PDB file of N, CA and C in Angstrom:
ATOM      1  N   MET A   1     -42.231 -68.916-143.521  1.00  0.00           N
ATOM      2  CA  MET A   1     -42.536 -67.594-144.002  1.00  0.00           C
ATOM      3  C   MET A   1     -42.315 -67.573-145.512  1.00  0.00           C
ATOM      4  N   LYS A   2     -43.315 -67.040-146.208  1.00  0.00           N
ATOM      5  CA  LYS A   2     -43.228 -66.936-147.658  1.00  0.00           C
ATOM      6  C   LYS A   2     -43.482 -65.488-148.073  1.00  0.00           C
ATOM      7  N   ARG A   3     -42.837 -65.091-149.144  1.00  0.00           N
ATOM      8  CA  ARG A   3     -42.983 -63.735-149.672  1.00  0.00           C
ATOM      9  C   ARG A   3     -43.687 -63.805-151.025  1.00  0.00           C
ATOM     10  N   PHE A   4     -44.659 -62.902-151.220  1.00  0.00           N
ATOM     11  CA  PHE A   4     -45.424 -62.859-152.461  1.00  0.00           C
ATOM     12  C   PHE A   4     -45.410 -61.431-153.009  1.00  0.00           C
ATOM     13  N   ASP A   5     -44.921 -61.277-154.230  1.00  0.00           N
ATOM     14  CA  ASP A   5     -44.866 -59.977-154.880  1.00  0.00           C
ATOM     15  C   ASP A   5     -46.087 -59.838-155.785  1.00  0.00           C
ATOM     16  N   LEU A   6     -47.007 -58.963-155.404  1.00  0.00           N
ATOM     17  CA  LEU A   6     -48.247 -58.756-156.144  1.00  0.00           C
ATOM     18  C   LEU A   6     -48.249 -57.427-156.897  1.00  0.00           C
ATOM     19  N   ARG A   7     -47.093 -56.769-156.975  1.00  0.00           N
ATOM     20  CA  ARG A   7     -47.023 -55.447-157.603  1.00  0.00           C
ATOM     21  C   ARG A   7     -47.426 -55.467-159.071  1.00  0.00           C
ATOM     22  N   HIS A   8     -47.128 -56.539-159.765  1.00  0.00           N
ATOM     23  CA  HIS A   8     -47.446 -56.616-161.190  1.00  0.00           C
ATOM     24  C   HIS A   8     -48.957 -56.612-161.458  1.00  0.00           C
ATOM     25  N   LEU A   9     -49.762 -56.864-160.429  1.00  0.00           N
ATOM     26  CA  LEU A   9     -51.216 -56.896-160.579  1.00  0.00           C
ATOM     27  C   LEU A   9     -51.870 -55.521-160.435  1.00  0.00           C
ATOM     28  N   LYS A  10     -51.060 -54.522-160.084  1.00  0.00           N
ATOM     29  CA  LYS A  10     -51.538 -53.140-159.898  1.00  0.00           C
ATOM     30  C   LYS A  10     -52.709 -53.115-158.913  1.00  0.00           C
ATOM     31  N   ASN A  11     -53.850 -52.524-159.286  1.00  0.00           N
ATOM     32  CA  ASN A  11     -55.001 -52.390-158.388  1.00  0.00           C
ATOM     33  C   ASN A  11     -55.830 -53.666-158.262  1.00  0.00           C
ATOM     34  N   ASP A  12     -55.524 -54.679-159.034  1.00  0.00           N
ATOM     35  CA  ASP A  12     -56.333 -55.900-159.057  1.00  0.00           C
ATOM     36  C   ASP A  12     -55.635 -57.056-158.339  1.00  0.00           C
ATOM     37  N   PHE A  13     -55.061 -56.786-157.172  1.00  0.00           N
ATOM     38  CA  PHE A  13     -54.306 -57.807-156.452  1.00  0.00           C
ATOM     39  C   PHE A  13     -55.138 -58.578-155.435  1.00  0.00           C
ATOM     40  N   CYS A  14     -56.307 -58.078-155.062  1.00  0.00           N
ATOM     41  CA  CYS A  14     -57.104 -58.722-154.001  1.00  0.00           C
ATOM     42  C   CYS A  14     -57.515 -60.156-154.326  1.00  0.00           C
ATOM     43  N   PRO A  15     -57.953 -60.483-155.547  1.00  0.00           N
ATOM     44  CA  PRO A  15     -58.290 -61.883-155.822  1.00  0.00           C
ATOM     45  C   PRO A  15     -57.089 -62.829-155.630  1.00  0.00           C
ATOM     46  N   ARG A  16     -55.910 -62.381-156.023  1.00  0.00           N
ATOM     47  CA  ARG A  16     -54.710 -63.213-155.851  1.00  0.00           C
ATOM     48  C   ARG A  16     -54.341 -63.324-154.380  1.00  0.00           C
ATOM     49  N   LEU A  17     -54.458 -62.233-153.630  1.00  0.00           N
ATOM     50  CA  LEU A  17     -54.196 -62.259-152.190  1.00  0.00           C
ATOM     51  C   LEU A  17     -55.118 -63.267-151.514  1.00  0.00           C
ATOM     52  N   LYS A  18     -56.390 -63.239-151.861  1.00  0.00           N
ATOM     53  CA  LYS A  18     -57.357 -64.182-151.280  1.00  0.00           C
ATOM     54  C   LYS A  18     -57.002 -65.621-151.645  1.00  0.00           C
ATOM     55  N   ALA A  19     -56.630 -65.857-152.901  1.00  0.00           N
ATOM     56  CA  ALA A  19     -56.267 -67.211-153.332  1.00  0.00           C
ATOM     57  C   ALA A  19     -55.051 -67.724-152.563  1.00  0.00           C
ATOM     58  N   ILE A  20     -54.083 -66.867-152.337  1.00  0.00           N
ATOM     59  CA  ILE A  20     -52.893 -67.276-151.575  1.00  0.00           C
ATOM     60  C   ILE A  20     -53.274 -67.607-150.145  1.00  0.00           C
ATOM     61  N   LEU A  21     -54.075 -66.754-149.522  1.00  0.00           N
ATOM     62  CA  LEU A  21     -54.491 -67.006-148.139  1.00  0.00           C
ATOM     63  C   LEU A  21     -55.299 -68.297-148.034  1.00  0.00           C
ATOM     64  N   ASP A  22     -56.098 -68.573-149.038  1.00  0.00           N
ATOM     65  CA  ASP A  22     -56.933 -69.775-149.020  1.00  0.00           C
ATOM     66  C   ASP A  22     -56.131 -71.052-149.274  1.00  0.00           C
ATOM     67  N   ASN A  23     -55.141 -70.974-150.174  1.00  0.00           N
ATOM     68  CA  ASN A  23     -54.553 -72.205-150.699  1.00  0.00           C
ATOM     69  C   ASN A  23     -53.047 -72.384-150.555  1.00  0.00           C
ATOM     70  N   GLU A  24     -52.290 -71.321-150.340  1.00  0.00           N
ATOM     71  CA  GLU A  24     -50.845 -71.449-150.417  1.00  0.00           C
ATOM     72  C   GLU A  24     -50.100 -71.287-149.098  1.00  0.00           C
ATOM     73  N   LEU A  25     -50.800 -70.945-148.043  1.00  0.00           N
ATOM     74  CA  LEU A  25     -50.174 -70.849-146.733  1.00  0.00           C
ATOM     75  C   LEU A  25     -50.740 -71.929-145.819  1.00  0.00           C
ATOM     76  N   GLU A  26     -49.878 -72.497-145.006  1.00  0.00           N
ATOM     77  CA  GLU A  26     -50.305 -73.477-144.012  1.00  0.00           C
ATOM     78  C   GLU A  26     -50.743 -72.745-142.741  1.00  0.00           C
ATOM     79  N   LYS A  27     -51.577 -73.368-141.952  1.00  0.00           N
ATOM     80  CA  LYS A  27     -52.018 -72.777-140.687  1.00  0.00           C
ATOM     81  C   LYS A  27     -50.793 -72.452-139.828  1.00  0.00           C
ATOM     82  N   GLY A  28     -50.741 -71.226-139.334  1.00  0.00           N
ATOM     83  CA  GLY A  28     -49.628 -70.767-138.511  1.00  0.00           C
ATOM     84  C   GLY A  28     -48.493 -70.130-139.306  1.00  0.00           C
ATOM     85  N   GLU A  29     -48.507 -70.291-140.615  1.00  0.00           N
ATOM     86  CA  GLU A  29     -47.447 -69.736-141.454  1.00  0.00           C
ATOM     87  C   GLU A  29     -47.699 -68.245-141.715  1.00  0.00           C
ATOM     88  N   VAL A  30     -46.616 -67.502-141.881  1.00  0.00           N
ATOM     89  CA  VAL A  30     -46.697 -66.070-142.134  1.00  0.00           C
ATOM     90  C   VAL A  30     -46.381 -65.795-143.596  1.00  0.00           C
ATOM     91  N   GLY A  31     -47.193 -64.962-144.211  1.00  0.00           N
ATOM     92  CA  GLY A  31     -46.966 -64.517-145.580  1.00  0.00           C
ATOM     93  C   GLY A  31     -46.659 -63.030-145.598  1.00  0.00           C
ATOM     94  N   ILE A  32     -45.682 -62.654-146.396  1.00  0.00           N
ATOM     95  CA  ILE A  32     -45.353 -61.252-146.600  1.00  0.00           C
ATOM     96  C   ILE A  32     -45.816 -60.897-148.019  1.00  0.00           C
ATOM     97  N   PHE A  33     -46.666 -59.898-148.112  1.00  0.00           N
ATOM     98  CA  PHE A  33     -47.259 -59.515-149.386  1.00  0.00           C
ATOM     99  C   PHE A  33     -46.835 -58.093-149.739  1.00  0.00           C
ATOM    100  N   LEU A  34     -46.330 -57.938-150.944  1.00  0.00           N
ATOM    101  CA  LEU A  34     -45.915 -56.636-151.441  1.00  0.00           C
ATOM    102  C   LEU A  34     -46.842 -56.257-152.591  1.00  0.00           C
ATOM    103  N   PHE A  35     -47.469 -55.089-152.494  1.00  0.00           N
ATOM    104  CA  PHE A  35     -48.344 -54.634-153.573  1.00  0.00           C
ATOM    105  C   PHE A  35     -48.164 -53.140-153.797  1.00  0.00           C
ATOM    106  N   GLU A  36     -48.534 -52.710-154.991  1.00  0.00           N
ATOM    107  CA  GLU A  36     -48.394 -51.314-155.372  1.00  0.00           C
ATOM    108  C   GLU A  36     -49.617 -50.538-154.917  1.00  0.00           C
ATOM    109  N   VAL A  37     -49.373 -49.365-154.347  1.00  0.00           N
ATOM    110  CA  VAL A  37     -50.468 -48.529-153.871  1.00  0.00           C
ATOM    111  C   VAL A  37     -50.708 -47.405-154.869  1.00  0.00           C
ATOM    112  N   LEU A  38     -51.610 -47.672-155.804  1.00  0.00           N
ATOM    113  CA  LEU A  38     -52.032 -46.629-156.736  1.00  0.00           C
ATOM    114  C   LEU A  38     -53.187 -45.850-156.124  1.00  0.00           C
ATOM    115  N   ASP A  39     -53.880 -46.487-155.190  1.00  0.00           N
ATOM    116  CA  ASP A  39     -55.024 -45.908-154.509  1.00  0.00           C
ATOM    117  C   ASP A  39     -54.952 -46.400-153.056  1.00  0.00           C
ATOM    118  N   PHE A  40     -54.927 -45.488-152.095  1.00  0.00           N
ATOM    119  CA  PHE A  40     -54.782 -45.899-150.701  1.00  0.00           C
ATOM    120  C   PHE A  40     -55.973 -46.701-150.184  1.00  0.00           C
ATOM    121  N   ASP A  41     -57.077 -46.715-150.916  1.00  0.00           N
ATOM    122  CA  ASP A  41     -58.192 -47.587-150.547  1.00  0.00           C
ATOM    123  C   ASP A  41     -57.756 -49.051-150.570  1.00  0.00           C
ATOM    124  N   ASN A  42     -56.750 -49.372-151.376  1.00  0.00           N
ATOM    125  CA  ASN A  42     -56.270 -50.747-151.460  1.00  0.00           C
ATOM    126  C   ASN A  42     -55.645 -51.224-150.151  1.00  0.00           C
ATOM    127  N   VAL A  43     -55.095 -50.307-149.378  1.00  0.00           N
ATOM    128  CA  VAL A  43     -54.533 -50.681-148.076  1.00  0.00           C
ATOM    129  C   VAL A  43     -55.663 -51.177-147.174  1.00  0.00           C
ATOM    130  N   GLN A  44     -56.751 -50.429-147.134  1.00  0.00           N
ATOM    131  CA  GLN A  44     -57.902 -50.844-146.322  1.00  0.00           C
ATOM    132  C   GLN A  44     -58.540 -52.109-146.868  1.00  0.00           C
ATOM    133  N   LYS A  45     -58.628 -52.226-148.199  1.00  0.00           N
ATOM    134  CA  LYS A  45     -59.195 -53.435-148.810  1.00  0.00           C
ATOM    135  C   LYS A  45     -58.396 -54.664-148.414  1.00  0.00           C
ATOM    136  N   SER A  46     -57.076 -54.545-148.404  1.00  0.00           N
ATOM    137  CA  SER A  46     -56.242 -55.695-148.041  1.00  0.00           C
ATOM    138  C   SER A  46     -56.468 -56.071-146.571  1.00  0.00           C
ATOM    139  N   ALA A  47     -56.557 -55.078-145.697  1.00  0.00           N
ATOM    140  CA  ALA A  47     -56.797 -55.347-144.274  1.00  0.00           C
ATOM    141  C   ALA A  47     -58.169 -55.985-144.069  1.00  0.00           C
ATOM    142  N   ASP A  48     -59.169 -55.493-144.781  1.00  0.00           N
ATOM    143  CA  ASP A  48     -60.514 -56.063-144.680  1.00  0.00           C
ATOM    144  C   ASP A  48     -60.537 -57.509-145.173  1.00  0.00           C
ATOM    145  N   LEU A  49     -59.844 -57.775-146.264  1.00  0.00           N
ATOM    146  CA  LEU A  49     -59.796 -59.120-146.823  1.00  0.00           C
ATOM    147  C   LEU A  49     -59.149 -60.091-145.837  1.00  0.00           C
ATOM    148  N   VAL A  50     -58.065 -59.664-145.205  1.00  0.00           N
ATOM    149  CA  VAL A  50     -57.389 -60.510-144.216  1.00  0.00           C
ATOM    150  C   VAL A  50     -58.331 -60.815-143.057  1.00  0.00           C
ATOM    151  N   LYS A  51     -59.010 -59.800-142.551  1.00  0.00           N
ATOM    152  CA  LYS A  51     -59.931 -59.989-141.423  1.00  0.00           C
ATOM    153  C   LYS A  51     -61.088 -60.916-141.807  1.00  0.00           C
ATOM    154  N   GLN A  52     -61.685 -60.680-142.977  1.00  0.00           N
ATOM    155  CA  GLN A  52     -62.817 -61.492-143.425  1.00  0.00           C
ATOM    156  C   GLN A  52     -62.422 -62.951-143.635  1.00  0.00           C
ATOM    157  N   SER A  53     -61.173 -63.183-143.967  1.00  0.00           N
ATOM    158  CA  SER A  53     -60.718 -64.555-144.202  1.00  0.00           C
ATOM    159  C   SER A  53     -60.380 -65.281-142.907  1.00  0.00           C
ATOM    160  N   GLY A  54     -60.449 -64.572-141.764  1.00  0.00           N
ATOM    161  CA  GLY A  54     -60.189 -65.205-140.476  1.00  0.00           C
ATOM    162  C   GLY A  54     -58.727 -65.292-140.119  1.00  0.00           C
ATOM    163  N   ASN A  55     -57.889 -64.520-140.789  1.00  0.00           N
ATOM    164  CA  ASN A  55     -56.457 -64.531-140.528  1.00  0.00           C
ATOM    165  C   ASN A  55     -56.051 -63.274-139.778  1.00  0.00           C
ATOM    166  N   THR A  56     -54.770 -63.165-139.392  1.00  0.00           N
ATOM    167  CA  THR A  56     -54.301 -62.062-138.568  1.00  0.00           C
ATOM    168  C   THR A  56     -53.340 -61.184-139.344  1.00  0.00           C
ATOM    169  N   LEU A  57     -53.654 -59.895-139.406  1.00  0.00           N
ATOM    170  CA  LEU A  57     -52.753 -58.919-139.992  1.00  0.00           C
ATOM    171  C   LEU A  57     -51.727 -58.539-138.929  1.00  0.00           C
ATOM    172  N   LEU A  58     -50.478 -58.913-139.163  1.00  0.00           N
ATOM    173  CA  LEU A  58     -49.428 -58.659-138.182  1.00  0.00           C
ATOM    174  C   LEU A  58     -48.796 -57.289-138.348  1.00  0.00           C
ATOM    175  N   ASN A  59     -48.685 -56.830-139.599  1.00  0.00           N
ATOM    176  CA  ASN A  59     -48.039 -55.557-139.856  1.00  0.00           C
ATOM    177  C   ASN A  59     -48.503 -55.028-141.207  1.00  0.00           C
ATOM    178  N   SER A  60     -48.541 -53.728-141.327  1.00  0.00           N
ATOM    179  CA  SER A  60     -48.913 -53.076-142.575  1.00  0.00           C
ATOM    180  C   SER A  60     -48.119 -51.783-142.647  1.00  0.00           C
ATOM    181  N   LEU A  61     -47.233 -51.678-143.640  1.00  0.00           N
ATOM    182  CA  LEU A  61     -46.422 -50.473-143.721  1.00  0.00           C
ATOM    183  C   LEU A  61     -46.002 -50.147-145.135  1.00  0.00           C
ATOM    184  N   ARG A  62     -45.708 -48.886-145.298  1.00  0.00           N
ATOM    185  CA  ARG A  62     -45.253 -48.398-146.597  1.00  0.00           C
ATOM    186  C   ARG A  62     -43.814 -48.856-146.797  1.00  0.00           C
ATOM    187  N   PHE A  63     -43.551 -49.468-147.940  1.00  0.00           N
ATOM    188  CA  PHE A  63     -42.233 -50.003-148.246  1.00  0.00           C
ATOM    189  C   PHE A  63     -41.356 -48.944-148.902  1.00  0.00           C
ATOM    190  N   ASN A  64     -41.922 -48.191-149.821  1.00  0.00           N
ATOM    191  CA  ASN A  64     -41.241 -47.074-150.477  1.00  0.00           C
ATOM    192  C   ASN A  64     -42.323 -46.132-151.009  1.00  0.00           C
ATOM    193  N   GLU A  65     -41.995 -45.320-151.990  1.00  0.00           N
ATOM    194  CA  GLU A  65     -42.961 -44.321-152.481  1.00  0.00           C
ATOM    195  C   GLU A  65     -44.245 -44.913-153.034  1.00  0.00           C
ATOM    196  N   VAL A  66     -44.190 -46.092-153.645  1.00  0.00           N
ATOM    197  CA  VAL A  66     -45.381 -46.645-154.289  1.00  0.00           C
ATOM    198  C   VAL A  66     -45.787 -48.032-153.796  1.00  0.00           C
ATOM    199  N   ASP A  67     -44.974 -48.664-152.996  1.00  0.00           N
ATOM    200  CA  ASP A  67     -45.248 -50.040-152.587  1.00  0.00           C
ATOM    201  C   ASP A  67     -45.629 -50.129-151.116  1.00  0.00           C
ATOM    202  N   TRP A  68     -46.472 -51.118-150.826  1.00  0.00           N
ATOM    203  CA  TRP A  68     -46.953 -51.373-149.468  1.00  0.00           C
ATOM    204  C   TRP A  68     -46.677 -52.829-149.137  1.00  0.00           C
ATOM    205  N   THR A  69     -46.389 -53.105-147.883  1.00  0.00           N
ATOM    206  CA  THR A  69     -46.122 -54.467-147.429  1.00  0.00           C
ATOM    207  C   THR A  69     -47.052 -54.801-146.277  1.00  0.00           C
ATOM    208  N   ILE A  70     -47.661 -55.989-146.337  1.00  0.00           N
ATOM    209  CA  ILE A  70     -48.419 -56.492-145.193  1.00  0.00           C
ATOM    210  C   ILE A  70     -47.869 -57.860-144.817  1.00  0.00           C
ATOM    211  N   MET A  71     -47.922 -58.151-143.531  1.00  0.00           N
ATOM    212  CA  MET A  71     -47.553 -59.473-143.018  1.00  0.00           C
ATOM    213  C   MET A  71     -48.809 -60.090-142.428  1.00  0.00           C
ATOM    214  N   VAL A  72     -49.082 -61.320-142.832  1.00  0.00           N
ATOM    215  CA  VAL A  72     -50.323 -61.991-142.429  1.00  0.00           C
ATOM    216  C   VAL A  72     -49.990 -63.380-141.906  1.00  0.00           C
ATOM    217  N   ARG A  73     -50.574 -63.729-140.745  1.00  0.00           N
ATOM    218  CA  ARG A  73     -50.444 -65.088-140.223  1.00  0.00           C
ATOM    219  C   ARG A  73     -51.724 -65.853-140.545  1.00  0.00           C
ATOM    220  N   LYS A  74     -51.544 -66.990-141.160  1.00  0.00           N
ATOM    221  CA  LYS A  74     -52.675 -67.870-141.503  1.00  0.00           C
ATOM    222  C   LYS A  74     -53.207 -68.490-140.211  1.00  0.00           C
ATOM    223  N   GLU A  75     -54.468 -68.245-139.931  1.00  0.00           N
ATOM    224  CA  GLU A  75     -55.092 -68.752-138.701  1.00  0.00           C
ATOM    225  C   GLU A  75     -56.072 -69.872-138.965  1.00  0.00           C
ATOM    226  N   THR A  76     -56.667 -69.873-140.132  1.00  0.00           N
ATOM    227  CA  THR A  76     -57.737 -70.816-140.413  1.00  0.00           C
ATOM    228  C   THR A  76     -57.282 -71.882-141.402  1.00  0.00           C
ATOM    229  N   THR A  77     -57.885 -73.027-141.301  1.00  0.00           N
ATOM    230  CA  THR A  77     -57.604 -74.078-142.283  1.00  0.00           C
ATOM    231  C   THR A  77     -58.579 -74.004-143.443  1.00  0.00           C
ATOM    232  N   LYS A  78     -59.750 -73.436-143.189  1.00  0.00           N
ATOM    233  CA  LYS A  78     -60.755 -73.266-144.238  1.00  0.00           C
ATOM    234  C   LYS A  78     -61.334 -71.861-144.093  1.00  0.00           C
ATOM    235  N   VAL A  79     -61.486 -71.181-145.188  1.00  0.00           N
ATOM    236  CA  VAL A  79     -61.970 -69.808-145.186  1.00  0.00           C
ATOM    237  C   VAL A  79     -63.462 -69.750-144.913  1.00  0.00           C
ATOM    238  N   ALA A  80     -63.843 -68.852-144.016  1.00  0.00           N
ATOM    239  CA  ALA A  80     -65.265 -68.610-143.745  1.00  0.00           C
ATOM    240  C   ALA A  80     -65.810 -67.695-144.828  1.00  0.00           C
ATOM    241  N   GLU A  81     -66.846 -68.118-145.495  1.00  0.00           N
ATOM    242  CA  GLU A  81     -67.418 -67.320-146.601  1.00  0.00           C
ATOM    243  C   GLU A  81     -68.418 -66.339-146.083  1.00  0.00           C
TER     244      GLU A  81
END
């Protein structure tokens, strides 16, 4: 299990989330991602990105007033484009 803090990226965290899912997690490994919710559309964007990448969203919850946490299990060895 690895933890990734993406809060410093503000609304532009999706490219980094995708890069981590593609390259930094092993198949079967769980990643915990923390990002800032300036726009609640980002919660849906993160869930869509996880689904499109062929991985499993295990949990998605509000961490505090401005931060959101998702847990993702890496399912694929190569991302489906």
